[in-house]
Amino acid sequence: CIKLHVSTTLYPLKLVNPTQYRFEHLATQMKWRLQEGRGEAVYQIGVEDNGLLVGLTEAEMRASLRTLHRMAEKVGADITVLREREVDYDSEEPRKITEVLVRKVPDDQQFLDLRVAVLGNVDSGKSTLLGVLTQGELDNGRGRARLNLFRHLHEIQTGRTSSISFEILGFNSKGEVVNYSDSRTAEEICESASKMITFIDLAGHHKYLKTTIFGLTSYCPDFAMLVVSANTGIVGTTREHLGLAMALKVPIFIMVSKVDLCTKATVERTMRQLERILKQPGCNKVPLVVASTDDAVTAAQQFTQSPSVTPIFTFSSVSGENLELLKVFLNILPPLSNSKEQEELMQQLTEFQVDEIYTVPDVGTVVGGTLYSGICREGDPLVVGPTDDGLFRELTVCSIQRNRSACRVLRAGQAATLALGEFDRSLLRKGMVMVSPEMNPTICWLFEAEIVLLFHAKTFHKGFQVTVHVGNVRQTATVEALQGKEELRTGEKAVVRFKFIKHPEYLKVGAKLLFRHGVTKGIGQVTKLQPFQMQQPYYHHQIPYL
């Protein structure tokens, strides 16, 4: 379920010359609101508590903004005026409403970090858009902007992304963009940013669909950005990517690219096509076309309040058309979880999902992933598993990096890379978890899930094999049984028992499940686990790597 907007909007009618007591009260309220919104809050000045648009005169507005600036200074924050609007009110003088974003200056690397998965068909312009946003230079029309994003030689040669890459875009406390155009390293961006957008660049080609699904299920993105080429419209994997984001309940916004290549009629045709798909019964979305700064502010606020709102932008990476509107939108976009939920997760035992494994010279084995719960510090002892025989092995976290810069403490919900020193890389694989030694994780070969079969050419029955995606777990499983049914057809629901074929996995009841095999696709939720029984302790000492 999508949670309500947590950068709570406040409605102080006016803040003209408050008494010292009133000022202290307002500053304390601002501090609390910033904590609730994880470092952000939006103030609407000139609006009564009941939502009545009264507005303020020019002098009253100037005085109110001065007071707001003093309050922000007191709590270590900056203010940015988002927009001003004139209102019709029974008054001779013109009256205005002003919306202001208050953002805390970061301390100890605790910037607000939002993850955005980038989806879309091959050649729609995903990597080029990210190149332009993160490097600060427009594209030359032949893909120069995307070259810095590619990780492999064949990606540079073909111009097609085949792996998952991460790109960062920062915003400072004043709402200004911080990227590689004025910072040489990721560490410099992190130091000056109060809010960080991490883009997860996923592959568009159907050949790499399993990589794209892994990126969506494993990296827990807050939002998804679907890039659609204006000149080709909705083709290839576009519908599939839209369906995947909706199945996993990831809020989605749409970018229509390459508008500089098309006539106005072609762009309008693509927009109509998009609106038709979004409004159909399976989607039930409300398209919101962003054409001005005012629209961008409204879209950012409506997007997280209502799961049905889908902002649509048109842009060009060559001319730079409307890219400023996207930056305004990303700057204001609030997190989906509030500070209370974050605190609750941090109080649980440590659980880190292993998504990537590397060997780094002079550092040793390094794992990348997301801290699902708890807190992780340098020197913490953890256990990693399950191995093929269902065991967990002891290890120690040597150092932590977040967005390529050193970090002392990792908190629940944050993505990072952990250095494990001399730990044998061959003992690790994607899909493992690193947990506190006190945790007794449920390991299983067999599990049950309530599923909906989205598409299947024939009938889905016992003995059928599918690739199952649950979080960072990706493995082939066999259908062991269908409760109360012999077979399933497209669109039908059932409770199905699956069995992994290679090794047991760590799963949780309630986790979202996605399975596929060729054209067969389905979604569901894990409802029951059959714990794997071991005859020996569930973890043993790591054999030193020689």
Protein backbone atom coordinates (compact mmCIF):
# COMPACT_ATOMS: atom_id res chain seq x y z
CA CYS A 1 0.00 0.00 0.00
CA ILE A 2 1.18 3.52 -0.71
CA LYS A 3 1.62 5.59 2.46
CA LEU A 4 0.49 9.20 2.79
CA HIS A 5 2.74 12.15 2.02
CA VAL A 6 5.04 12.41 5.07
CA SER A 7 6.63 15.80 4.22
CA THR A 8 3.54 17.13 5.96
CA THR A 9 2.28 20.41 4.56
CA LEU A 10 1.77 23.06 7.25
CA TYR A 11 -0.68 25.96 6.93
CA PRO A 12 0.49 28.91 9.09
CA LEU A 13 -1.78 31.77 7.96
CA LYS A 14 0.89 34.38 8.63
CA LEU A 15 4.08 34.73 10.64
CA VAL A 16 4.28 38.50 11.07
CA ASN A 17 6.35 39.69 14.10
CA PRO A 18 5.62 36.74 16.44
CA THR A 19 6.36 37.11 20.17
CA GLN A 20 9.50 35.35 21.45
CA TYR A 21 7.35 32.61 23.03
CA ARG A 22 5.37 32.12 19.77
CA PHE A 23 8.64 32.08 17.75
CA GLU A 24 10.16 29.36 20.00
CA HIS A 25 6.94 27.33 19.69
CA LEU A 26 6.97 27.65 15.86
CA ALA A 27 10.69 26.68 15.68
CA THR A 28 10.07 23.60 17.86
CA GLN A 29 7.11 22.66 15.63
CA MET A 30 9.34 23.03 12.54
CA LYS A 31 12.02 20.80 14.09
CA TRP A 32 9.42 18.11 14.82
CA ARG A 33 7.94 18.38 11.30
CA LEU A 34 11.40 18.00 9.77
CA GLN A 35 12.01 14.87 11.84
CA GLU A 36 8.63 13.46 10.73
CA GLY A 37 9.39 14.20 7.06
CA ARG A 38 12.95 12.79 7.36
CA GLY A 39 14.48 16.23 6.80
CA GLU A 40 11.79 17.94 4.67
CA ALA A 41 8.56 19.86 5.22
CA VAL A 42 6.37 22.08 3.00
CA TYR A 43 4.84 25.30 4.42
CA GLN A 44 1.87 27.01 2.74
CA ILE A 45 1.71 30.61 3.90
CA GLY A 46 -1.61 32.39 3.46
CA VAL A 47 -3.85 29.33 3.89
CA GLU A 48 -6.04 28.80 6.94
CA ASP A 49 -6.04 25.47 8.85
CA ASN A 50 -9.38 24.54 7.27
CA GLY A 51 -7.86 24.99 3.77
CA LEU A 52 -9.45 28.39 3.03
CA LEU A 53 -7.28 30.39 0.59
CA VAL A 54 -7.09 33.77 2.33
CA GLY A 55 -3.72 35.02 1.04
CA LEU A 56 -1.46 37.76 2.43
CA THR A 57 -0.55 41.24 1.24
CA GLU A 58 2.95 41.85 -0.16
CA ALA A 59 4.18 43.35 3.16
CA GLU A 60 2.69 40.54 5.28
CA MET A 61 4.20 37.89 2.96
CA ARG A 62 7.68 39.46 3.14
CA ALA A 63 7.50 39.60 6.95
CA SER A 64 6.25 35.98 7.13
CA LEU A 65 9.09 34.73 4.91
CA ARG A 66 11.63 36.59 7.09
CA THR A 67 10.22 34.85 10.18
CA LEU A 68 10.27 31.47 8.40
CA HIS A 69 13.91 32.08 7.44
CA ARG A 70 14.81 32.81 11.10
CA MET A 71 12.99 29.64 12.24
CA ALA A 72 14.87 27.57 9.63
CA GLU A 73 18.22 29.06 10.71
CA LYS A 74 17.49 28.14 14.33
CA VAL A 75 16.87 24.45 13.48
CA GLY A 76 19.74 24.21 10.93
CA ALA A 77 17.63 24.22 7.76
CA ASP A 78 17.28 26.21 4.53
CA ILE A 79 14.13 27.43 2.77
CA THR A 80 13.24 27.48 -0.94
CA VAL A 81 10.18 29.21 -2.39
CA LEU A 82 8.41 26.64 -4.59
CA ARG A 83 5.65 28.81 -6.05
CA GLU A 84 3.49 31.88 -5.48
CA ARG A 85 -0.15 32.26 -6.45
CA GLU A 86 -2.50 35.20 -6.38
CA VAL A 87 -5.92 34.57 -4.84
CA ASP A 88 -9.28 36.26 -5.31
CA TYR A 89 -10.25 37.65 -1.91
CA ASP A 90 -12.52 40.55 -0.95
CA SER A 91 -9.70 43.04 -0.65
CA GLU A 92 -8.45 46.07 -2.54
CA GLU A 93 -4.81 44.96 -2.27
CA PRO A 94 -3.66 41.87 -4.23
CA ARG A 95 -3.13 38.87 -1.96
CA LYS A 96 -0.81 35.89 -2.42
CA ILE A 97 -0.21 32.34 -1.20
CA THR A 98 3.38 31.08 -1.08
CA GLU A 99 4.52 27.47 -0.87
CA VAL A 100 7.93 27.00 0.75
CA LEU A 101 10.11 23.88 1.01
CA VAL A 102 12.09 23.67 4.27
CA ARG A 103 15.01 21.23 4.13
CA LYS A 104 17.48 20.36 6.87
CA VAL A 105 21.19 20.77 6.21
CA PRO A 106 22.62 17.20 6.39
CA ASP A 107 24.72 16.04 9.32
CA ASP A 108 26.83 12.87 9.54
CA GLN A 109 25.82 11.65 6.04
CA GLN A 110 22.18 11.28 7.02
CA PHE A 111 20.86 12.76 3.78
CA LEU A 112 17.46 11.69 2.49
CA ASP A 113 18.02 8.96 -0.11
CA LEU A 114 15.32 7.97 -2.64
CA ARG A 115 15.76 5.09 -5.10
CA VAL A 116 14.23 5.40 -8.58
CA ALA A 117 14.20 2.37 -10.92
CA VAL A 118 14.51 3.42 -14.58
CA LEU A 119 12.39 1.28 -16.94
CA GLY A 120 11.49 1.36 -20.63
CA ASN A 121 12.01 -0.35 -23.96
CA VAL A 122 15.45 -0.68 -25.55
CA ASP A 123 16.58 2.56 -27.29
CA SER A 124 13.98 4.71 -25.51
CA GLY A 125 16.72 6.97 -24.08
CA LYS A 126 16.97 5.79 -20.42
CA SER A 127 20.77 5.84 -20.06
CA THR A 128 21.06 9.07 -22.09
CA LEU A 129 18.59 10.84 -19.75
CA LEU A 130 20.55 9.66 -16.68
CA GLY A 131 23.81 10.76 -18.31
CA VAL A 132 22.41 14.26 -18.89
CA LEU A 133 20.99 14.53 -15.35
CA THR A 134 24.08 13.23 -13.52
CA GLN A 135 26.83 14.77 -15.72
CA GLY A 136 25.13 18.13 -16.27
CA GLU A 137 25.79 18.18 -20.03
CA LEU A 138 23.25 17.74 -22.83
CA ASP A 139 23.55 14.86 -25.31
CA ASN A 140 24.93 15.39 -28.83
CA GLY A 141 22.14 13.33 -30.43
CA ARG A 142 24.40 10.29 -30.88
CA GLY A 143 24.47 8.95 -27.31
CA ARG A 144 27.57 10.69 -25.93
CA ALA A 145 25.82 11.42 -22.57
CA ARG A 146 25.31 7.72 -21.77
CA LEU A 147 28.92 6.54 -22.28
CA ASN A 148 29.91 7.19 -18.64
CA LEU A 149 27.10 4.91 -17.43
CA PHE A 150 28.11 1.72 -19.23
CA ARG A 151 29.93 -0.98 -17.27
CA HIS A 152 30.98 -3.37 -20.09
CA LEU A 153 32.70 -3.04 -23.48
CA HIS A 154 29.80 -4.70 -25.31
CA GLU A 155 27.42 -2.07 -23.85
CA ILE A 156 29.56 0.73 -25.34
CA GLN A 157 29.74 -1.11 -28.70
CA THR A 158 25.99 -1.82 -28.94
CA GLY A 159 24.73 1.20 -26.96
CA ARG A 160 22.47 -1.14 -24.97
CA THR A 161 22.46 -1.60 -21.19
CA SER A 162 22.73 -5.27 -20.15
CA SER A 163 23.58 -4.85 -16.44
CA ILE A 164 22.26 -2.84 -13.51
CA SER A 165 24.12 0.42 -12.89
CA PHE A 166 23.59 3.10 -10.25
CA GLU A 167 23.76 6.83 -10.87
CA ILE A 168 23.35 9.60 -8.30
CA LEU A 169 21.82 13.07 -8.45
CA GLY A 170 21.97 15.32 -5.39
CA PHE A 171 20.01 18.37 -4.22
CA ASN A 172 21.45 20.68 -1.58
CA SER A 173 19.47 22.27 1.27
CA LYS A 174 18.54 25.21 -1.01
CA GLY A 175 17.12 22.83 -3.66
CA GLU A 176 19.99 23.32 -6.15
CA VAL A 177 21.23 20.38 -8.25
CA VAL A 178 24.51 18.75 -7.15
CA ASN A 179 26.03 16.49 -9.84
CA TYR A 180 29.32 15.70 -11.59
CA SER A 181 29.32 19.03 -13.43
CA ASP A 182 30.59 20.76 -10.27
CA SER A 183 31.81 17.76 -8.22
CA ARG A 184 34.59 15.46 -9.31
CA THR A 185 33.68 12.48 -7.13
CA ALA A 186 30.59 10.82 -5.65
CA GLU A 187 32.01 11.63 -2.20
CA GLU A 188 31.88 15.37 -2.98
CA ILE A 189 28.25 15.04 -4.14
CA CYS A 190 27.33 13.22 -0.90
CA GLU A 191 29.06 15.85 1.24
CA SER A 192 27.10 18.78 -0.21
CA ALA A 193 23.73 17.05 -0.84
CA SER A 194 20.80 17.06 1.61
CA LYS A 195 18.76 14.80 -0.64
CA MET A 196 20.07 12.10 -2.95
CA ILE A 197 18.24 10.44 -5.83
CA THR A 198 19.80 7.07 -6.70
CA PHE A 199 18.76 5.97 -10.21
CA ILE A 200 18.82 2.22 -10.82
CA ASP A 201 19.41 1.97 -14.58
CA LEU A 202 17.80 -1.28 -15.76
CA ALA A 203 18.06 -3.07 -19.10
CA GLY A 204 15.36 -2.44 -21.72
CA HIS A 205 16.02 -5.40 -24.03
CA HIS A 206 13.78 -8.47 -23.59
CA LYS A 207 16.92 -10.65 -23.53
CA TYR A 208 17.86 -9.09 -20.18
CA LEU A 209 14.37 -9.24 -18.62
CA LYS A 210 15.56 -11.40 -15.69
CA THR A 211 18.12 -8.68 -14.81
CA THR A 212 15.39 -6.01 -14.93
CA ILE A 213 13.06 -8.06 -12.69
CA PHE A 214 15.93 -8.67 -10.23
CA GLY A 215 16.54 -4.90 -10.08
CA LEU A 216 12.86 -4.22 -9.33
CA THR A 217 12.41 -6.96 -6.70
CA SER A 218 15.80 -6.84 -5.00
CA TYR A 219 16.76 -3.17 -4.78
CA CYS A 220 13.40 -2.08 -3.28
CA PRO A 221 12.99 1.11 -5.36
CA ASP A 222 10.76 3.84 -3.90
CA PHE A 223 9.58 4.92 -7.36
CA ALA A 224 9.82 3.79 -10.98
CA MET A 225 10.49 6.06 -13.96
CA LEU A 226 9.18 4.62 -17.24
CA VAL A 227 10.86 6.16 -20.30
CA VAL A 228 8.82 6.02 -23.53
CA SER A 229 10.20 7.22 -26.87
CA ALA A 230 7.85 9.78 -28.47
CA ASN A 231 8.65 8.65 -32.03
CA THR A 232 7.99 4.91 -31.49
CA GLY A 233 5.32 5.04 -28.77
CA ILE A 234 4.48 2.03 -26.60
CA VAL A 235 6.44 -0.85 -28.13
CA GLY A 236 8.56 -3.83 -27.06
CA THR A 237 8.95 -4.27 -23.31
CA THR A 238 7.20 -0.99 -22.35
CA ARG A 239 3.88 -2.65 -21.39
CA GLU A 240 5.73 -5.44 -19.61
CA HIS A 241 7.81 -2.99 -17.54
CA LEU A 242 4.67 -0.98 -16.68
CA GLY A 243 2.95 -4.21 -15.61
CA LEU A 244 5.92 -5.30 -13.47
CA ALA A 245 6.04 -1.98 -11.59
CA MET A 246 2.28 -2.14 -10.98
CA ALA A 247 2.42 -5.79 -9.86
CA LEU A 248 5.11 -4.89 -7.31
CA LYS A 249 3.12 -1.76 -6.28
CA VAL A 250 5.96 0.64 -7.10
CA PRO A 251 4.57 4.18 -7.79
CA ILE A 252 5.38 5.06 -11.40
CA PHE A 253 5.87 8.29 -13.35
CA ILE A 254 6.43 8.50 -17.12
CA MET A 255 9.01 10.35 -19.22
CA VAL A 256 8.24 10.77 -22.94
CA SER A 257 11.66 11.20 -24.61
CA LYS A 258 13.01 12.45 -27.96
CA VAL A 259 10.36 15.14 -28.49
CA ASP A 260 12.95 17.12 -30.52
CA LEU A 261 12.82 14.40 -33.22
CA CYS A 262 9.04 14.43 -33.66
CA THR A 263 6.27 16.63 -34.89
CA LYS A 264 3.75 17.90 -32.35
CA ALA A 265 1.15 15.50 -33.80
CA THR A 266 3.45 12.47 -33.18
CA VAL A 267 4.06 13.50 -29.54
CA GLU A 268 0.31 13.98 -29.02
CA ARG A 269 -0.40 10.54 -30.53
CA THR A 270 2.06 8.91 -28.07
CA MET A 271 0.50 10.86 -25.16
CA ARG A 272 -3.00 9.71 -26.15
CA GLN A 273 -1.75 6.12 -26.41
CA LEU A 274 -0.25 6.39 -22.90
CA GLU A 275 -3.37 7.95 -21.40
CA ARG A 276 -5.55 5.23 -22.97
CA ILE A 277 -3.41 2.46 -21.43
CA LEU A 278 -3.23 4.15 -18.01
CA LYS A 279 -7.02 4.59 -17.85
CA GLN A 280 -7.91 1.02 -18.85
CA PRO A 281 -9.45 -1.26 -16.13
CA GLY A 282 -6.20 -3.12 -15.37
CA CYS A 283 -4.35 0.12 -14.54
CA ASN A 284 -6.97 2.59 -13.26
CA LYS A 285 -4.42 5.42 -13.22
CA VAL A 286 -5.06 9.16 -13.49
CA PRO A 287 -2.57 10.73 -15.96
CA LEU A 288 -1.24 14.14 -14.90
CA VAL A 289 0.61 15.92 -17.72
CA VAL A 290 3.37 18.21 -16.38
CA ALA A 291 3.80 21.30 -18.58
CA SER A 292 4.90 23.99 -16.08
CA THR A 293 6.76 24.46 -12.78
CA ASP A 294 3.39 24.77 -11.05
CA ASP A 295 2.37 21.38 -12.51
CA ALA A 296 5.66 19.83 -11.32
CA VAL A 297 5.09 21.02 -7.72
CA THR A 298 1.48 19.74 -7.78
CA ALA A 299 2.56 16.40 -9.32
CA ALA A 300 5.24 15.80 -6.64
CA GLN A 301 2.72 16.41 -3.85
CA GLN A 302 -0.17 14.44 -5.41
CA PHE A 303 2.04 11.52 -6.52
CA THR A 304 2.71 10.14 -3.04
CA GLN A 305 -0.71 11.06 -1.63
CA SER A 306 -2.67 9.10 -4.24
CA PRO A 307 -1.46 5.77 -5.69
CA SER A 308 -3.54 6.36 -8.83
CA VAL A 309 -1.89 9.64 -9.94
CA THR A 310 0.71 9.13 -12.72
CA PRO A 311 2.71 12.26 -13.70
CA ILE A 312 3.76 12.39 -17.40
CA PHE A 313 6.66 14.57 -18.60
CA THR A 314 7.79 15.25 -22.18
CA PHE A 315 11.50 16.03 -22.64
CA SER A 316 14.54 16.04 -24.88
CA SER A 317 18.06 15.05 -23.77
CA VAL A 318 19.50 16.95 -26.77
CA SER A 319 17.72 20.32 -26.46
CA GLY A 320 17.17 20.04 -22.68
CA GLU A 321 13.45 20.81 -23.09
CA ASN A 322 11.49 20.32 -19.82
CA LEU A 323 14.45 18.76 -17.93
CA GLU A 324 14.16 21.59 -15.37
CA LEU A 325 10.58 20.44 -14.63
CA LEU A 326 11.86 16.93 -13.85
CA LYS A 327 14.49 18.41 -11.48
CA VAL A 328 11.81 20.46 -9.68
CA PHE A 329 9.68 17.29 -9.34
CA LEU A 330 12.57 15.17 -7.99
CA ASN A 331 13.65 17.94 -5.61
CA ILE A 332 10.22 18.08 -3.92
CA LEU A 333 9.34 14.36 -4.14
CA PRO A 334 8.89 13.16 -0.52
CA PRO A 335 9.86 9.72 0.87
CA LEU A 336 7.14 7.07 1.21
CA SER A 337 8.04 6.10 4.78
CA ASN A 338 8.12 8.45 7.76
CA SER A 339 10.67 8.64 10.56
CA LYS A 340 8.54 6.52 12.94
CA GLU A 341 8.50 3.54 10.53
CA GLN A 342 12.24 4.01 9.97
CA GLU A 343 12.85 3.93 13.77
CA GLU A 344 10.79 0.73 14.13
CA LEU A 345 12.83 -1.00 11.41
CA MET A 346 16.11 0.16 12.98
CA GLN A 347 15.16 -1.41 16.33
CA GLN A 348 14.87 -4.89 14.77
CA LEU A 349 17.76 -7.33 14.32
CA THR A 350 20.19 -6.64 11.47
CA GLU A 351 19.27 -8.12 8.07
CA PHE A 352 21.26 -7.20 4.94
CA GLN A 353 20.26 -8.54 1.49
CA VAL A 354 23.20 -9.55 -0.75
CA ASP A 355 22.58 -8.34 -4.33
CA GLU A 356 26.10 -7.96 -5.78
CA ILE A 357 29.47 -9.60 -5.04
CA TYR A 358 32.86 -8.18 -6.06
CA THR A 359 36.56 -8.73 -5.44
CA VAL A 360 38.40 -5.43 -4.98
CA PRO A 361 42.24 -5.29 -5.02
CA ASP A 362 43.72 -4.51 -1.56
CA VAL A 363 40.21 -4.63 -0.04
CA GLY A 364 39.13 -8.25 -0.60
CA THR A 365 35.57 -9.49 -0.93
CA VAL A 366 32.87 -6.78 -1.14
CA VAL A 367 29.09 -7.28 -1.16
CA GLY A 368 26.50 -4.74 -2.31
CA GLY A 369 22.87 -4.66 -1.24
CA THR A 370 20.23 -3.13 1.01
CA LEU A 371 19.94 -3.14 4.81
CA TYR A 372 16.37 -4.35 5.28
CA SER A 373 16.27 -3.89 9.08
CA GLY A 374 18.46 -2.97 12.06
CA ILE A 375 21.73 -1.02 12.13
CA CYS A 376 25.12 -2.11 10.76
CA ARG A 377 28.49 -0.70 11.88
CA GLU A 378 32.12 -1.39 11.04
CA GLY A 379 33.42 -4.38 13.01
CA ASP A 380 29.96 -5.92 13.54
CA PRO A 381 29.94 -9.75 13.59
CA LEU A 382 27.24 -11.20 11.29
CA VAL A 383 26.38 -14.58 9.77
CA VAL A 384 25.78 -15.07 6.02
CA GLY A 385 23.75 -17.76 4.26
CA PRO A 386 22.04 -19.99 3.49
CA THR A 387 24.66 -22.16 1.78
CA ASP A 388 23.63 -25.10 -0.44
CA ASP A 389 23.38 -27.24 2.71
CA GLY A 390 21.32 -24.61 4.58
CA LEU A 391 24.09 -23.35 6.86
CA PHE A 392 25.22 -19.83 7.83
CA ARG A 393 28.87 -18.76 8.14
CA GLU A 394 30.38 -16.19 10.48
CA LEU A 395 32.00 -13.02 9.13
CA THR A 396 32.96 -9.50 10.21
CA VAL A 397 32.07 -6.22 8.48
CA CYS A 398 35.43 -4.49 7.83
CA SER A 399 34.17 -1.23 6.29
CA ILE A 400 31.02 0.35 4.77
CA GLN A 401 30.54 2.60 1.74
CA ARG A 402 27.38 4.45 0.75
CA ASN A 403 27.22 6.05 -2.70
CA ARG A 404 30.94 5.37 -3.10
CA SER A 405 31.95 7.30 0.04
CA ALA A 406 32.95 5.91 3.47
CA CYS A 407 30.16 5.58 6.02
CA ARG A 408 30.33 4.75 9.75
CA VAL A 409 26.74 3.63 10.37
CA LEU A 410 24.25 2.00 8.00
CA ARG A 411 20.56 2.31 8.89
CA ALA A 412 17.52 0.29 7.82
CA GLY A 413 16.37 1.02 4.27
CA GLN A 414 19.77 2.25 3.07
CA ALA A 415 21.78 0.65 0.25
CA ALA A 416 25.54 0.21 0.64
CA THR A 417 28.58 -1.94 -0.09
CA LEU A 418 30.24 -3.83 2.78
CA ALA A 419 33.88 -4.98 2.70
CA LEU A 420 34.32 -8.45 4.21
CA GLY A 421 38.13 -8.68 4.00
CA GLU A 422 39.52 -12.17 3.43
CA PHE A 423 36.12 -13.93 3.36
CA ASP A 424 36.07 -16.51 0.53
CA ARG A 425 34.02 -15.06 -2.35
CA SER A 426 33.13 -18.54 -3.66
CA LEU A 427 31.01 -19.10 -0.52
CA LEU A 428 28.73 -16.18 -1.46
CA ARG A 429 25.97 -15.82 -4.04
CA LYS A 430 23.21 -13.32 -4.88
CA GLY A 431 20.08 -14.02 -2.84
CA MET A 432 21.89 -14.63 0.45
CA VAL A 433 21.30 -12.57 3.59
CA MET A 434 23.68 -11.35 6.28
CA VAL A 435 21.93 -11.34 9.65
CA SER A 436 22.66 -10.89 13.37
CA PRO A 437 23.95 -14.12 15.00
CA GLU A 438 20.98 -13.94 17.45
CA MET A 439 18.46 -14.20 14.62
CA ASN A 440 17.09 -17.64 13.81
CA PRO A 441 16.23 -17.21 10.11
CA THR A 442 13.61 -19.44 8.48
CA ILE A 443 15.27 -21.44 5.69
CA CYS A 444 13.04 -23.45 3.35
CA TRP A 445 12.97 -25.68 0.28
CA LEU A 446 9.15 -25.72 0.22
CA PHE A 447 6.80 -22.71 0.49
CA GLU A 448 3.21 -21.82 -0.36
CA ALA A 449 2.02 -18.70 -2.16
CA GLU A 450 -1.32 -17.24 -3.18
CA ILE A 451 -0.86 -16.47 -6.87
CA VAL A 452 -2.63 -14.96 -9.88
CA LEU A 453 -1.65 -16.40 -13.25
CA LEU A 454 -1.27 -13.31 -15.47
CA PHE A 455 -0.55 -15.18 -18.69
CA HIS A 456 -0.02 -18.79 -19.73
CA ALA A 457 -0.26 -20.30 -23.19
CA LYS A 458 -1.72 -23.65 -22.05
CA THR A 459 -2.54 -24.92 -18.55
CA PHE A 460 -0.48 -24.43 -15.37
CA HIS A 461 -0.27 -27.70 -13.44
CA LYS A 462 1.73 -29.82 -10.97
CA GLY A 463 5.31 -30.47 -12.14
CA PHE A 464 5.59 -27.18 -14.07
CA GLN A 465 8.89 -25.32 -13.53
CA VAL A 466 9.15 -21.51 -13.23
CA THR A 467 11.79 -18.95 -12.23
CA VAL A 468 10.68 -17.43 -8.93
CA HIS A 469 11.65 -13.88 -7.83
CA VAL A 470 11.12 -13.01 -4.14
CA GLY A 471 13.12 -9.95 -3.04
CA ASN A 472 16.74 -10.71 -3.87
CA VAL A 473 16.01 -14.46 -4.30
CA ARG A 474 15.94 -15.72 -7.90
CA GLN A 475 15.76 -19.47 -8.43
CA THR A 476 13.92 -22.12 -10.45
CA ALA A 477 11.14 -23.86 -8.51
CA THR A 478 8.81 -26.75 -9.29
CA VAL A 479 5.04 -26.59 -8.74
CA GLU A 480 4.46 -29.32 -6.12
CA ALA A 481 0.71 -28.90 -5.68
CA LEU A 482 -2.29 -26.65 -6.44
CA GLN A 483 -4.79 -26.46 -3.59
CA GLY A 484 -8.26 -27.57 -4.64
CA LYS A 485 -7.44 -27.49 -8.38
CA GLU A 486 -5.85 -29.72 -10.97
CA GLU A 487 -4.75 -26.91 -13.30
CA LEU A 488 -4.80 -23.11 -13.74
CA ARG A 489 -5.59 -20.94 -16.74
CA THR A 490 -4.83 -17.26 -17.49
CA GLY A 491 -6.45 -14.90 -14.95
CA GLU A 492 -7.20 -17.60 -12.34
CA LYS A 493 -6.12 -17.55 -8.67
CA ALA A 494 -4.87 -20.40 -6.49
CA VAL A 495 -2.70 -21.34 -3.51
CA VAL A 496 0.34 -23.14 -4.93
CA ARG A 497 3.13 -25.06 -3.21
CA PHE A 498 6.58 -24.48 -4.78
CA LYS A 499 9.85 -26.34 -4.21
CA PHE A 500 13.28 -24.83 -5.00
CA ILE A 501 15.41 -27.14 -7.15
CA LYS A 502 19.00 -26.03 -6.31
CA HIS A 503 19.31 -24.93 -2.69
CA PRO A 504 17.14 -23.68 0.21
CA GLU A 505 16.44 -19.95 0.53
CA TYR A 506 15.63 -17.42 3.26
CA LEU A 507 12.02 -16.21 2.76
CA LYS A 508 9.44 -14.28 4.76
CA VAL A 509 5.66 -14.71 4.95
CA GLY A 510 3.95 -11.80 3.19
CA ALA A 511 6.79 -11.19 0.71
CA LYS A 512 5.74 -10.29 -2.86
CA LEU A 513 6.40 -13.04 -5.39
CA LEU A 514 6.81 -12.87 -9.16
CA PHE A 515 7.35 -15.93 -11.39
CA ARG A 516 7.96 -16.47 -15.08
CA HIS A 517 8.85 -19.08 -17.66
CA GLY A 518 8.90 -18.12 -21.34
CA VAL A 519 5.58 -16.35 -21.90
CA THR A 520 4.18 -17.61 -18.58
CA LYS A 521 3.93 -14.88 -15.94
CA GLY A 522 2.32 -14.61 -12.52
CA ILE A 523 2.37 -12.64 -9.29
CA GLY A 524 1.47 -13.43 -5.72
CA GLN A 525 2.39 -13.39 -2.05
CA VAL A 526 4.21 -15.93 0.14
CA THR A 527 1.63 -17.30 2.62
CA LYS A 528 3.37 -20.24 4.34
CA LEU A 529 6.91 -21.58 4.82
CA GLN A 530 7.96 -25.15 5.53
CA PRO A 531 11.16 -24.66 7.57
CA PHE A 532 14.19 -26.68 6.56
CA GLN A 533 15.23 -28.91 9.51
CA MET A 534 18.98 -29.26 10.20
CA GLN A 535 20.68 -31.88 12.30
CA GLN A 536 23.52 -29.48 13.34
CA PRO A 537 23.85 -25.82 14.47
CA TYR A 538 22.47 -23.45 11.82
CA TYR A 539 25.82 -21.70 11.40
CA HIS A 540 29.43 -22.74 11.77
CA HIS A 541 32.80 -21.02 11.93
CA GLN A 542 34.27 -19.65 8.73
CA ILE A 543 37.29 -21.62 7.51
CA PRO A 544 40.11 -19.05 6.96
CA TYR A 545 40.65 -18.23 3.30
CA LEU A 546 44.22 -19.05 2.30
